[in-house]
Amino acid sequence: MARAIRPVGRWSLDRMLMMPMRFSEGMMLGASPVGLFGPRCAQAFGHLGFMNILGWADPQRGVAAGLLTTGKALLGGHLLPLSRLLATIARRCEDD
């Protein structure tokens, strides 16, 4: 597990997501203040599937999640609600 989440290389622009990302040998890694898996998720790791499939774990918070949504729109009305959901998950985990 340690090897799977160990960062490799430098921050780089993910040309599909058009955002800076950190990677391990097989995972996308979280970031702070905001990353792919929500706010303050520097210890999180997981992967984004084809547009609307997202799975990750955050050992610092003791949470693992999988989100599956319908549709394959690259840009759409789902992006704002998705970011709100990720922020809500992060906030609720901090409260525990």
PDB file of N, CA and C in Angstrom:
ATOM      1  N   MET A   1       0.822  -1.186   0.000  1.00  0.00           N
ATOM      2  CA  MET A   1       0.000   0.000   0.000  1.00  0.00           C
ATOM      3  C   MET A   1       0.868   1.252   0.000  1.00  0.00           C
ATOM      4  N   ALA A   2       1.922   1.229   0.811  1.00  0.00           N
ATOM      5  CA  ALA A   2       2.796   2.404   0.867  1.00  0.00           C
ATOM      6  C   ALA A   2       3.354   2.736  -0.510  1.00  0.00           C
ATOM      7  N   ARG A   3       3.728   1.730  -1.258  1.00  0.00           N
ATOM      8  CA  ARG A   3       4.278   1.960  -2.597  1.00  0.00           C
ATOM      9  C   ARG A   3       3.203   2.484  -3.550  1.00  0.00           C
ATOM     10  N   ALA A   4       1.995   2.002  -3.400  1.00  0.00           N
ATOM     11  CA  ALA A   4       0.907   2.416  -4.294  1.00  0.00           C
ATOM     12  C   ALA A   4       0.541   3.883  -4.134  1.00  0.00           C
ATOM     13  N   ILE A   5       0.804   4.455  -2.958  1.00  0.00           N
ATOM     14  CA  ILE A   5       0.430   5.851  -2.738  1.00  0.00           C
ATOM     15  C   ILE A   5       1.629   6.790  -2.623  1.00  0.00           C
ATOM     16  N   ARG A   6       2.827   6.264  -2.804  1.00  0.00           N
ATOM     17  CA  ARG A   6       4.024   7.101  -2.763  1.00  0.00           C
ATOM     18  C   ARG A   6       4.074   7.991  -4.001  1.00  0.00           C
ATOM     19  N   PRO A   7       4.163   9.307  -3.818  1.00  0.00           N
ATOM     20  CA  PRO A   7       4.217  10.207  -4.977  1.00  0.00           C
ATOM     21  C   PRO A   7       5.433   9.923  -5.854  1.00  0.00           C
ATOM     22  N   VAL A   8       5.234  10.009  -7.142  1.00  0.00           N
ATOM     23  CA  VAL A   8       6.332   9.912  -8.102  1.00  0.00           C
ATOM     24  C   VAL A   8       6.292  11.151  -8.989  1.00  0.00           C
ATOM     25  N   GLY A   9       7.443  11.638  -9.324  1.00  0.00           N
ATOM     26  CA  GLY A   9       7.507  12.815 -10.184  1.00  0.00           C
ATOM     27  C   GLY A   9       7.032  14.070  -9.484  1.00  0.00           C
ATOM     28  N   ARG A  10       6.888  15.083 -10.269  1.00  0.00           N
ATOM     29  CA  ARG A  10       6.467  16.392  -9.771  1.00  0.00           C
ATOM     30  C   ARG A  10       4.992  16.616 -10.086  1.00  0.00           C
ATOM     31  N   TRP A  11       4.460  17.666  -9.499  1.00  0.00           N
ATOM     32  CA  TRP A  11       3.120  18.101  -9.885  1.00  0.00           C
ATOM     33  C   TRP A  11       3.132  18.310 -11.393  1.00  0.00           C
ATOM     34  N   SER A  12       2.060  17.929 -12.040  1.00  0.00           N
ATOM     35  CA  SER A  12       1.976  18.173 -13.475  1.00  0.00           C
ATOM     36  C   SER A  12       0.528  18.465 -13.849  1.00  0.00           C
ATOM     37  N   LEU A  13       0.369  19.115 -14.970  1.00  0.00           N
ATOM     38  CA  LEU A  13      -0.956  19.430 -15.462  1.00  0.00           C
ATOM     39  C   LEU A  13      -1.558  18.182 -16.085  1.00  0.00           C
ATOM     40  N   ASP A  14      -2.695  17.747 -15.562  1.00  0.00           N
ATOM     41  CA  ASP A  14      -3.436  16.661 -16.183  1.00  0.00           C
ATOM     42  C   ASP A  14      -4.171  17.288 -17.352  1.00  0.00           C
ATOM     43  N   ARG A  15      -3.807  16.909 -18.543  1.00  0.00           N
ATOM     44  CA  ARG A  15      -4.343  17.563 -19.738  1.00  0.00           C
ATOM     45  C   ARG A  15      -5.790  17.209 -20.018  1.00  0.00           C
ATOM     46  N   MET A  16      -6.292  16.142 -19.427  1.00  0.00           N
ATOM     47  CA  MET A  16      -7.708  15.808 -19.591  1.00  0.00           C
ATOM     48  C   MET A  16      -8.564  16.627 -18.629  1.00  0.00           C
ATOM     49  N   LEU A  17      -8.131  16.699 -17.368  1.00  0.00           N
ATOM     50  CA  LEU A  17      -8.893  17.438 -16.363  1.00  0.00           C
ATOM     51  C   LEU A  17      -8.559  18.922 -16.350  1.00  0.00           C
ATOM     52  N   MET A  18      -7.433  19.271 -16.957  1.00  0.00           N
ATOM     53  CA  MET A  18      -6.945  20.650 -16.983  1.00  0.00           C
ATOM     54  C   MET A  18      -6.783  21.205 -15.570  1.00  0.00           C
ATOM     55  N   MET A  19      -6.163  20.380 -14.715  1.00  0.00           N
ATOM     56  CA  MET A  19      -5.843  20.821 -13.366  1.00  0.00           C
ATOM     57  C   MET A  19      -4.535  20.191 -12.940  1.00  0.00           C
ATOM     58  N   PRO A  20      -3.805  20.849 -12.038  1.00  0.00           N
ATOM     59  CA  PRO A  20      -2.555  20.252 -11.571  1.00  0.00           C
ATOM     60  C   PRO A  20      -2.844  19.025 -10.725  1.00  0.00           C
ATOM     61  N   MET A  21      -2.043  17.978 -10.895  1.00  0.00           N
ATOM     62  CA  MET A  21      -2.266  16.716 -10.191  1.00  0.00           C
ATOM     63  C   MET A  21      -0.946  16.156  -9.690  1.00  0.00           C
ATOM     64  N   ARG A  22      -1.055  15.338  -8.647  1.00  0.00           N
ATOM     65  CA  ARG A  22       0.063  14.514  -8.179  1.00  0.00           C
ATOM     66  C   ARG A  22      -0.337  13.069  -8.453  1.00  0.00           C
ATOM     67  N   PHE A  23       0.650  12.255  -8.767  1.00  0.00           N
ATOM     68  CA  PHE A  23       0.382  10.851  -9.069  1.00  0.00           C
ATOM     69  C   PHE A  23       1.341   9.945  -8.306  1.00  0.00           C
ATOM     70  N   SER A  24       0.901   8.725  -8.047  1.00  0.00           N
ATOM     71  CA  SER A  24       1.790   7.663  -7.588  1.00  0.00           C
ATOM     72  C   SER A  24       1.961   6.737  -8.788  1.00  0.00           C
ATOM     73  N   GLU A  25       2.453   5.539  -8.561  1.00  0.00           N
ATOM     74  CA  GLU A  25       2.625   4.615  -9.678  1.00  0.00           C
ATOM     75  C   GLU A  25       1.298   4.128 -10.241  1.00  0.00           C
ATOM     76  N   GLY A  26       0.225   4.241  -9.477  1.00  0.00           N
ATOM     77  CA  GLY A  26      -1.056   3.766  -9.990  1.00  0.00           C
ATOM     78  C   GLY A  26      -2.263   4.552  -9.541  1.00  0.00           C
ATOM     79  N   MET A  27      -2.042   5.605  -8.784  1.00  0.00           N
ATOM     80  CA  MET A  27      -3.163   6.362  -8.237  1.00  0.00           C
ATOM     81  C   MET A  27      -3.008   7.850  -8.512  1.00  0.00           C
ATOM     82  N   MET A  28      -4.148   8.519  -8.494  1.00  0.00           N
ATOM     83  CA  MET A  28      -4.165   9.978  -8.438  1.00  0.00           C
ATOM     84  C   MET A  28      -4.118  10.319  -6.954  1.00  0.00           C
ATOM     85  N   LEU A  29      -3.377  11.347  -6.589  1.00  0.00           N
ATOM     86  CA  LEU A  29      -3.216  11.699  -5.185  1.00  0.00           C
ATOM     87  C   LEU A  29      -3.937  12.999  -4.868  1.00  0.00           C
ATOM     88  N   GLY A  30      -4.386  13.105  -3.631  1.00  0.00           N
ATOM     89  CA  GLY A  30      -5.093  14.295  -3.171  1.00  0.00           C
ATOM     90  C   GLY A  30      -4.173  15.490  -3.023  1.00  0.00           C
ATOM     91  N   ALA A  31      -4.770  16.607  -2.648  1.00  0.00           N
ATOM     92  CA  ALA A  31      -4.012  17.851  -2.508  1.00  0.00           C
ATOM     93  C   ALA A  31      -4.701  18.754  -1.496  1.00  0.00           C
ATOM     94  N   SER A  32      -3.973  19.746  -1.059  1.00  0.00           N
ATOM     95  CA  SER A  32      -4.534  20.790  -0.203  1.00  0.00           C
ATOM     96  C   SER A  32      -4.110  22.124  -0.785  1.00  0.00           C
ATOM     97  N   PRO A  33      -4.931  23.129  -0.783  1.00  0.00           N
ATOM     98  CA  PRO A  33      -6.199  23.187  -0.071  1.00  0.00           C
ATOM     99  C   PRO A  33      -7.336  22.453  -0.759  1.00  0.00           C
ATOM    100  N   VAL A  34      -7.270  22.257  -2.065  1.00  0.00           N
ATOM    101  CA  VAL A  34      -8.338  21.545  -2.773  1.00  0.00           C
ATOM    102  C   VAL A  34      -7.711  20.622  -3.809  1.00  0.00           C
ATOM    103  N   GLY A  35      -8.241  19.415  -3.881  1.00  0.00           N
ATOM    104  CA  GLY A  35      -7.779  18.457  -4.869  1.00  0.00           C
ATOM    105  C   GLY A  35      -8.950  17.740  -5.511  1.00  0.00           C
ATOM    106  N   LEU A  36      -8.650  16.760  -6.296  1.00  0.00           N
ATOM    107  CA  LEU A  36      -9.664  15.998  -7.011  1.00  0.00           C
ATOM    108  C   LEU A  36     -10.683  15.366  -6.068  1.00  0.00           C
ATOM    109  N   PHE A  37     -10.268  15.027  -4.852  1.00  0.00           N
ATOM    110  CA  PHE A  37     -11.137  14.331  -3.917  1.00  0.00           C
ATOM    111  C   PHE A  37     -11.785  15.259  -2.900  1.00  0.00           C
ATOM    112  N   GLY A  38     -11.722  16.558  -3.133  1.00  0.00           N
ATOM    113  CA  GLY A  38     -12.350  17.528  -2.247  1.00  0.00           C
ATOM    114  C   GLY A  38     -11.334  18.400  -1.538  1.00  0.00           C
ATOM    115  N   PRO A  39     -11.812  19.236  -0.608  1.00  0.00           N
ATOM    116  CA  PRO A  39     -10.901  20.132   0.107  1.00  0.00           C
ATOM    117  C   PRO A  39     -10.103  19.405   1.181  1.00  0.00           C
ATOM    118  N   ARG A  40      -8.885  19.895   1.416  1.00  0.00           N
ATOM    119  CA  ARG A  40      -8.008  19.388   2.477  1.00  0.00           C
ATOM    120  C   ARG A  40      -7.892  17.855   2.435  1.00  0.00           C
ATOM    121  N   CYS A  41      -7.523  17.354   1.291  1.00  0.00           N
ATOM    122  CA  CYS A  41      -7.461  15.898   1.098  1.00  0.00           C
ATOM    123  C   CYS A  41      -6.070  15.446   0.676  1.00  0.00           C
ATOM    124  N   ALA A  42      -5.037  16.015   1.271  1.00  0.00           N
ATOM    125  CA  ALA A  42      -3.660  15.733   0.853  1.00  0.00           C
ATOM    126  C   ALA A  42      -3.283  14.263   1.005  1.00  0.00           C
ATOM    127  N   GLN A  43      -3.894  13.532   1.920  1.00  0.00           N
ATOM    128  CA  GLN A  43      -3.559  12.121   2.137  1.00  0.00           C
ATOM    129  C   GLN A  43      -4.427  11.170   1.319  1.00  0.00           C
ATOM    130  N   ALA A  44      -5.404  11.698   0.600  1.00  0.00           N
ATOM    131  CA  ALA A  44      -6.325  10.858  -0.171  1.00  0.00           C
ATOM    132  C   ALA A  44      -5.643  10.296  -1.415  1.00  0.00           C
ATOM    133  N   PHE A  45      -6.143   9.159  -1.861  1.00  0.00           N
ATOM    134  CA  PHE A  45      -5.663   8.541  -3.092  1.00  0.00           C
ATOM    135  C   PHE A  45      -6.812   7.791  -3.742  1.00  0.00           C
ATOM    136  N   GLY A  46      -6.777   7.696  -5.034  1.00  0.00           N
ATOM    137  CA  GLY A  46      -7.829   6.989  -5.756  1.00  0.00           C
ATOM    138  C   GLY A  46      -7.665   7.203  -7.240  1.00  0.00           C
ATOM    139  N   HIS A  47      -8.782   7.132  -7.936  1.00  0.00           N
ATOM    140  CA  HIS A  47      -8.724   7.329  -9.383  1.00  0.00           C
ATOM    141  C   HIS A  47     -10.074   7.755  -9.904  1.00  0.00           C
ATOM    142  N   LEU A  48     -10.018   8.541 -10.964  1.00  0.00           N
ATOM    143  CA  LEU A  48     -11.197   8.985 -11.682  1.00  0.00           C
ATOM    144  C   LEU A  48     -11.370   8.068 -12.870  1.00  0.00           C
ATOM    145  N   GLY A  49     -12.572   7.564 -13.048  1.00  0.00           N
ATOM    146  CA  GLY A  49     -12.854   6.727 -14.206  1.00  0.00           C
ATOM    147  C   GLY A  49     -13.221   7.593 -15.391  1.00  0.00           C
ATOM    148  N   PHE A  50     -14.075   7.097 -16.237  1.00  0.00           N
ATOM    149  CA  PHE A  50     -14.474   7.854 -17.424  1.00  0.00           C
ATOM    150  C   PHE A  50     -15.491   8.921 -17.043  1.00  0.00           C
ATOM    151  N   MET A  51     -15.007  10.105 -16.776  1.00  0.00           N
ATOM    152  CA  MET A  51     -15.768  11.301 -16.466  1.00  0.00           C
ATOM    153  C   MET A  51     -16.506  11.265 -15.128  1.00  0.00           C
ATOM    154  N   ASN A  52     -17.410  10.329 -14.931  1.00  0.00           N
ATOM    155  CA  ASN A  52     -18.343  10.410 -13.815  1.00  0.00           C
ATOM    156  C   ASN A  52     -18.208   9.264 -12.825  1.00  0.00           C
ATOM    157  N   ILE A  53     -17.077   8.630 -12.766  1.00  0.00           N
ATOM    158  CA  ILE A  53     -16.839   7.528 -11.841  1.00  0.00           C
ATOM    159  C   ILE A  53     -15.603   7.892 -11.027  1.00  0.00           C
ATOM    160  N   LEU A  54     -15.755   7.914  -9.716  1.00  0.00           N
ATOM    161  CA  LEU A  54     -14.684   8.371  -8.852  1.00  0.00           C
ATOM    162  C   LEU A  54     -14.617   7.472  -7.628  1.00  0.00           C
ATOM    163  N   GLY A  55     -13.436   6.949  -7.328  1.00  0.00           N
ATOM    164  CA  GLY A  55     -13.251   6.150  -6.124  1.00  0.00           C
ATOM    165  C   GLY A  55     -12.005   6.615  -5.408  1.00  0.00           C
ATOM    166  N   TRP A  56     -12.090   6.736  -4.070  1.00  0.00           N
ATOM    167  CA  TRP A  56     -10.924   7.174  -3.324  1.00  0.00           C
ATOM    168  C   TRP A  56     -11.016   6.760  -1.872  1.00  0.00           C
ATOM    169  N   ALA A  57      -9.873   6.832  -1.214  1.00  0.00           N
ATOM    170  CA  ALA A  57      -9.786   6.589   0.228  1.00  0.00           C
ATOM    171  C   ALA A  57      -8.935   7.693   0.828  1.00  0.00           C
ATOM    172  N   ASP A  58      -9.241   8.026   2.060  1.00  0.00           N
ATOM    173  CA  ASP A  58      -8.467   9.030   2.779  1.00  0.00           C
ATOM    174  C   ASP A  58      -8.160   8.458   4.151  1.00  0.00           C
ATOM    175  N   PRO A  59      -6.979   7.853   4.331  1.00  0.00           N
ATOM    176  CA  PRO A  59      -6.649   7.212   5.601  1.00  0.00           C
ATOM    177  C   PRO A  59      -6.593   8.194   6.766  1.00  0.00           C
ATOM    178  N   GLN A  60      -6.271   9.441   6.501  1.00  0.00           N
ATOM    179  CA  GLN A  60      -6.227  10.447   7.563  1.00  0.00           C
ATOM    180  C   GLN A  60      -7.609  10.637   8.183  1.00  0.00           C
ATOM    181  N   ARG A  61      -8.637  10.541   7.378  1.00  0.00           N
ATOM    182  CA  ARG A  61     -10.003  10.723   7.855  1.00  0.00           C
ATOM    183  C   ARG A  61     -10.732   9.405   8.099  1.00  0.00           C
ATOM    184  N   GLY A  62     -10.133   8.299   7.688  1.00  0.00           N
ATOM    185  CA  GLY A  62     -10.784   7.009   7.871  1.00  0.00           C
ATOM    186  C   GLY A  62     -12.013   6.835   7.008  1.00  0.00           C
ATOM    187  N   VAL A  63     -11.939   7.293   5.763  1.00  0.00           N
ATOM    188  CA  VAL A  63     -13.093   7.210   4.870  1.00  0.00           C
ATOM    189  C   VAL A  63     -12.656   6.667   3.511  1.00  0.00           C
ATOM    190  N   ALA A  64     -13.536   5.894   2.916  1.00  0.00           N
ATOM    191  CA  ALA A  64     -13.372   5.452   1.535  1.00  0.00           C
ATOM    192  C   ALA A  64     -14.704   5.687   0.847  1.00  0.00           C
ATOM    193  N   ALA A  65     -14.670   6.085  -0.403  1.00  0.00           N
ATOM    194  CA  ALA A  65     -15.907   6.415  -1.103  1.00  0.00           C
ATOM    195  C   ALA A  65     -15.821   6.025  -2.568  1.00  0.00           C
ATOM    196  N   GLY A  66     -16.960   5.753  -3.120  1.00  0.00           N
ATOM    197  CA  GLY A  66     -17.090   5.514  -4.542  1.00  0.00           C
ATOM    198  C   GLY A  66     -18.314   6.254  -5.034  1.00  0.00           C
ATOM    199  N   LEU A  67     -18.166   7.011  -6.081  1.00  0.00           N
ATOM    200  CA  LEU A  67     -19.277   7.745  -6.666  1.00  0.00           C
ATOM    201  C   LEU A  67     -19.466   7.289  -8.104  1.00  0.00           C
ATOM    202  N   LEU A  68     -20.657   6.887  -8.415  1.00  0.00           N
ATOM    203  CA  LEU A  68     -21.008   6.495  -9.775  1.00  0.00           C
ATOM    204  C   LEU A  68     -22.199   7.343 -10.183  1.00  0.00           C
ATOM    205  N   THR A  69     -22.067   8.049 -11.282  1.00  0.00           N
ATOM    206  CA  THR A  69     -23.165   8.883 -11.744  1.00  0.00           C
ATOM    207  C   THR A  69     -23.510   8.511 -13.174  1.00  0.00           C
ATOM    208  N   THR A  70     -24.668   8.937 -13.614  1.00  0.00           N
ATOM    209  CA  THR A  70     -25.095   8.628 -14.975  1.00  0.00           C
ATOM    210  C   THR A  70     -24.580   9.689 -15.927  1.00  0.00           C
ATOM    211  N   GLY A  71     -24.488   9.341 -17.155  1.00  0.00           N
ATOM    212  CA  GLY A  71     -24.085  10.296 -18.175  1.00  0.00           C
ATOM    213  C   GLY A  71     -22.590  10.362 -18.330  1.00  0.00           C
ATOM    214  N   LYS A  72     -22.155  10.896 -19.435  1.00  0.00           N
ATOM    215  CA  LYS A  72     -20.732  11.003 -19.725  1.00  0.00           C
ATOM    216  C   LYS A  72     -20.360  12.398 -20.182  1.00  0.00           C
ATOM    217  N   ALA A  73     -21.127  13.380 -19.782  1.00  0.00           N
ATOM    218  CA  ALA A  73     -20.841  14.751 -20.219  1.00  0.00           C
ATOM    219  C   ALA A  73     -19.528  15.240 -19.626  1.00  0.00           C
ATOM    220  N   LEU A  74     -18.658  15.776 -20.464  1.00  0.00           N
ATOM    221  CA  LEU A  74     -17.393  16.328 -19.992  1.00  0.00           C
ATOM    222  C   LEU A  74     -17.650  17.595 -19.188  1.00  0.00           C
ATOM    223  N   LEU A  75     -18.470  18.455 -19.710  1.00  0.00           N
ATOM    224  CA  LEU A  75     -18.878  19.659 -19.006  1.00  0.00           C
ATOM    225  C   LEU A  75     -20.382  19.595 -18.858  1.00  0.00           C
ATOM    226  N   GLY A  76     -20.841  19.860 -17.681  1.00  0.00           N
ATOM    227  CA  GLY A  76     -22.276  19.797 -17.503  1.00  0.00           C
ATOM    228  C   GLY A  76     -22.700  20.267 -16.139  1.00  0.00           C
ATOM    229  N   GLY A  77     -23.975  20.187 -15.911  1.00  0.00           N
ATOM    230  CA  GLY A  77     -24.570  20.634 -14.680  1.00  0.00           C
ATOM    231  C   GLY A  77     -24.191  19.811 -13.470  1.00  0.00           C
ATOM    232  N   HIS A  78     -23.577  18.670 -13.681  1.00  0.00           N
ATOM    233  CA  HIS A  78     -23.221  17.801 -12.554  1.00  0.00           C
ATOM    234  C   HIS A  78     -21.943  18.241 -11.837  1.00  0.00           C
ATOM    235  N   LEU A  79     -21.127  19.075 -12.442  1.00  0.00           N
ATOM    236  CA  LEU A  79     -19.834  19.411 -11.853  1.00  0.00           C
ATOM    237  C   LEU A  79     -19.958  20.229 -10.564  1.00  0.00           C
ATOM    238  N   LEU A  80     -20.849  21.193 -10.528  1.00  0.00           N
ATOM    239  CA  LEU A  80     -21.031  21.984  -9.312  1.00  0.00           C
ATOM    240  C   LEU A  80     -21.617  21.138  -8.176  1.00  0.00           C
ATOM    241  N   PRO A  81     -22.690  20.359  -8.424  1.00  0.00           N
ATOM    242  CA  PRO A  81     -23.176  19.481  -7.353  1.00  0.00           C
ATOM    243  C   PRO A  81     -22.130  18.458  -6.898  1.00  0.00           C
ATOM    244  N   LEU A  82     -21.313  17.955  -7.809  1.00  0.00           N
ATOM    245  CA  LEU A  82     -20.264  17.009  -7.437  1.00  0.00           C
ATOM    246  C   LEU A  82     -19.248  17.672  -6.511  1.00  0.00           C
ATOM    247  N   SER A  83     -18.839  18.890  -6.828  1.00  0.00           N
ATOM    248  CA  SER A  83     -17.877  19.573  -5.966  1.00  0.00           C
ATOM    249  C   SER A  83     -18.489  19.868  -4.601  1.00  0.00           C
ATOM    250  N   ARG A  84     -19.774  20.187  -4.558  1.00  0.00           N
ATOM    251  CA  ARG A  84     -20.454  20.395  -3.266  1.00  0.00           C
ATOM    252  C   ARG A  84     -20.498  19.105  -2.459  1.00  0.00           C
ATOM    253  N   LEU A  85     -20.765  17.985  -3.125  1.00  0.00           N
ATOM    254  CA  LEU A  85     -20.795  16.697  -2.435  1.00  0.00           C
ATOM    255  C   LEU A  85     -19.433  16.354  -1.846  1.00  0.00           C
ATOM    256  N   LEU A  86     -18.375  16.552  -2.612  1.00  0.00           N
ATOM    257  CA  LEU A  86     -17.022  16.276  -2.113  1.00  0.00           C
ATOM    258  C   LEU A  86     -16.696  17.165  -0.912  1.00  0.00           C
ATOM    259  N   ALA A  87     -17.098  18.418  -0.963  1.00  0.00           N
ATOM    260  CA  ALA A  87     -16.866  19.324   0.165  1.00  0.00           C
ATOM    261  C   ALA A  87     -17.671  18.893   1.384  1.00  0.00           C
ATOM    262  N   THR A  88     -18.896  18.423   1.183  1.00  0.00           N
ATOM    263  CA  THR A  88     -19.720  17.954   2.298  1.00  0.00           C
ATOM    264  C   THR A  88     -19.118  16.718   2.945  1.00  0.00           C
ATOM    265  N   ILE A  89     -18.640  15.787   2.144  1.00  0.00           N
ATOM    266  CA  ILE A  89     -17.986  14.584   2.686  1.00  0.00           C
ATOM    267  C   ILE A  89     -16.775  14.991   3.516  1.00  0.00           C
ATOM    268  N   ALA A  90     -15.949  15.876   2.996  1.00  0.00           N
ATOM    269  CA  ALA A  90     -14.753  16.313   3.721  1.00  0.00           C
ATOM    270  C   ALA A  90     -15.134  17.001   5.033  1.00  0.00           C
ATOM    271  N   ARG A  91     -16.136  17.860   4.987  1.00  0.00           N
ATOM    272  CA  ARG A  91     -16.564  18.590   6.182  1.00  0.00           C
ATOM    273  C   ARG A  91     -17.119  17.644   7.240  1.00  0.00           C
ATOM    274  N   ARG A  92     -17.941  16.705   6.838  1.00  0.00           N
ATOM    275  CA  ARG A  92     -18.525  15.754   7.788  1.00  0.00           C
ATOM    276  C   ARG A  92     -17.477  14.845   8.406  1.00  0.00           C
ATOM    277  N   CYS A  93     -16.460  14.497   7.642  1.00  0.00           N
ATOM    278  CA  CYS A  93     -15.389  13.653   8.179  1.00  0.00           C
ATOM    279  C   CYS A  93     -14.580  14.418   9.217  1.00  0.00           C
ATOM    280  N   GLU A  94     -14.421  15.702   9.029  1.00  0.00           N
ATOM    281  CA  GLU A  94     -13.680  16.511   9.992  1.00  0.00           C
ATOM    282  C   GLU A  94     -14.444  16.656  11.303  1.00  0.00           C
ATOM    283  N   ASP A  95     -15.770  16.613  11.261  1.00  0.00           N
ATOM    284  CA  ASP A  95     -16.578  16.787  12.452  1.00  0.00           C
ATOM    285  C   ASP A  95     -16.520  15.589  13.390  1.00  0.00           C
ATOM    286  N   ASP A  96     -16.186  14.422  12.867  1.00  0.00           N
ATOM    287  CA  ASP A  96     -16.184  13.199  13.696  1.00  0.00           C
ATOM    288  C   ASP A  96     -15.026  13.108  14.634  1.00  0.00           C
TER     289      ASP A  96
END
